[in-house]
Amino acid sequence: QVQLVESGGGLVQPGGSLRLSCAASGLILENYCVGWFRQAPGKEREGVSCISSRDGSTYYADSVKGRFVISRDAAKNTVYLQMNSLKPEDAAVYYCKAENALGSSWGQGTQVTVSS
């Protein structure tokens, strides 16, 4: 059974950092394009970052470029999202998604709150 489990969310002050993890079972993340998405209350889910299965190339939304870093640890079958210089507008539920030509799977999400 395929399962993606996000963790690492929490409450952080503006300017702080968090590292989110997306741990997979039932699939090998290296064979998938893995993306991080977020959804704030009353807003649509938006893409934040992704890492390619083909060559490990990365993509970042303009709103997080220079502050967030996506990475992959094949040995742990986990994708990370290092979030630095967090802003109140980064607060949302963060989801990871693994996708390839055969389909996609989503995690259940982890809450990130940025507040002083």
Protein backbone atom coordinates (compact mmCIF):
# COMPACT_ATOMS: atom_id res chain seq x y z
CA GLN A 1 0.00 0.00 0.00
CA VAL A 2 1.33 3.40 -1.01
CA GLN A 3 1.61 5.91 1.78
CA LEU A 4 3.15 9.35 2.07
CA VAL A 5 3.55 10.80 5.54
CA GLU A 6 4.45 14.44 6.10
CA SER A 7 5.96 15.66 9.34
CA GLY A 8 7.90 18.58 10.72
CA GLY A 9 5.22 21.21 10.79
CA GLY A 10 4.56 23.38 13.80
CA LEU A 11 4.52 26.88 15.17
CA VAL A 12 7.43 29.15 14.33
CA GLN A 13 8.06 32.86 14.66
CA PRO A 14 8.50 35.02 11.57
CA GLY A 15 12.05 34.67 10.35
CA GLY A 16 12.33 31.18 11.74
CA SER A 17 12.92 27.85 10.02
CA LEU A 18 11.28 24.47 9.74
CA ARG A 19 12.16 21.32 7.87
CA LEU A 20 9.30 19.27 6.51
CA SER A 21 9.69 15.60 5.70
CA CYS A 22 7.74 13.43 3.29
CA ALA A 23 8.43 9.78 4.03
CA ALA A 24 7.18 7.17 1.62
CA SER A 25 6.26 3.52 1.88
CA GLY A 26 5.05 1.30 -0.92
CA LEU A 27 6.90 3.28 -3.57
CA ILE A 28 10.42 4.50 -4.29
CA LEU A 29 10.40 8.29 -4.26
CA GLU A 30 13.43 8.48 -6.50
CA ASN A 31 11.24 7.18 -9.33
CA TYR A 32 8.69 9.94 -8.89
CA CYS A 33 8.49 13.65 -9.30
CA VAL A 34 7.79 14.82 -5.78
CA GLY A 35 6.19 18.14 -5.07
CA TRP A 36 5.29 20.19 -2.04
CA PHE A 37 2.01 22.05 -2.09
CA ARG A 38 0.32 24.23 0.48
CA GLN A 39 -3.18 25.37 1.20
CA ALA A 40 -4.11 28.23 3.47
CA PRO A 41 -7.66 28.69 4.80
CA GLY A 42 -9.95 30.07 2.11
CA LYS A 43 -7.31 29.71 -0.60
CA GLU A 44 -6.64 27.22 -3.33
CA ARG A 45 -3.88 24.66 -3.02
CA GLU A 46 -0.72 25.97 -4.66
CA GLY A 47 2.52 24.39 -5.73
CA VAL A 48 5.56 25.39 -3.71
CA SER A 49 8.42 23.25 -4.94
CA CYS A 50 9.18 20.00 -6.71
CA ILE A 51 12.08 17.75 -7.49
CA SER A 52 12.36 15.76 -10.69
CA SER A 53 12.80 12.01 -10.75
CA ARG A 54 14.80 12.21 -13.97
CA ASP A 55 17.73 14.38 -12.97
CA GLY A 56 16.93 15.80 -9.58
CA SER A 57 16.27 19.25 -10.98
CA THR A 58 14.21 21.49 -8.74
CA TYR A 59 11.50 24.08 -9.12
CA TYR A 60 10.37 26.79 -6.73
CA ALA A 61 7.44 29.13 -6.73
CA ASP A 62 8.51 32.76 -6.88
CA SER A 63 7.08 33.35 -3.43
CA VAL A 64 9.55 30.92 -1.81
CA LYS A 65 12.55 31.15 -4.13
CA GLY A 66 15.72 31.81 -2.18
CA ARG A 67 14.12 30.77 1.12
CA PHE A 68 13.02 27.15 0.63
CA VAL A 69 15.15 24.20 -0.45
CA ILE A 70 13.81 20.83 -1.58
CA SER A 71 16.01 17.75 -1.31
CA ARG A 72 15.79 14.00 -1.47
CA ASP A 73 17.42 11.25 0.60
CA ALA A 74 17.15 8.05 -1.41
CA ALA A 75 18.43 5.89 1.44
CA LYS A 76 15.60 7.10 3.69
CA ASN A 77 13.08 7.25 0.85
CA THR A 78 12.24 10.74 2.04
CA VAL A 79 11.92 14.19 0.47
CA TYR A 80 12.53 17.28 2.57
CA LEU A 81 11.52 20.89 2.35
CA GLN A 82 13.82 23.20 4.29
CA MET A 83 11.96 26.42 4.92
CA ASN A 84 13.93 29.45 6.05
CA SER A 85 13.04 33.07 6.72
CA LEU A 86 9.44 32.09 7.20
CA LYS A 87 6.77 34.73 6.80
CA PRO A 88 3.21 34.84 8.11
CA GLU A 89 1.98 34.29 4.55
CA ASP A 90 3.77 30.92 4.50
CA ALA A 91 1.31 29.58 7.06
CA ALA A 92 -0.71 26.74 5.57
CA VAL A 93 -1.18 23.00 5.54
CA TYR A 94 1.69 21.58 3.52
CA TYR A 95 1.21 18.45 1.44
CA CYS A 96 3.59 16.31 -0.53
CA LYS A 97 2.65 14.57 -3.76
CA ALA A 98 4.46 11.85 -5.64
CA GLU A 99 3.64 11.55 -9.32
CA ASN A 100 4.72 9.56 -12.32
CA ALA A 101 3.14 8.45 -15.59
CA LEU A 102 1.04 5.83 -13.79
CA GLY A 103 -0.56 8.12 -11.25
CA SER A 104 -0.06 10.13 -8.11
CA SER A 105 -0.34 9.90 -4.36
CA TRP A 106 -0.84 12.59 -1.73
CA GLY A 107 0.09 12.75 1.91
CA GLN A 108 -2.28 13.85 4.64
CA GLY A 109 -0.60 17.20 5.24
CA THR A 110 1.24 18.94 8.06
CA GLN A 111 0.30 22.29 9.55
CA VAL A 112 2.73 25.19 9.47
CA THR A 113 1.89 28.23 11.57
CA VAL A 114 4.00 31.37 11.41
CA SER A 115 3.17 33.80 14.15
CA SER A 116 4.79 35.87 16.84
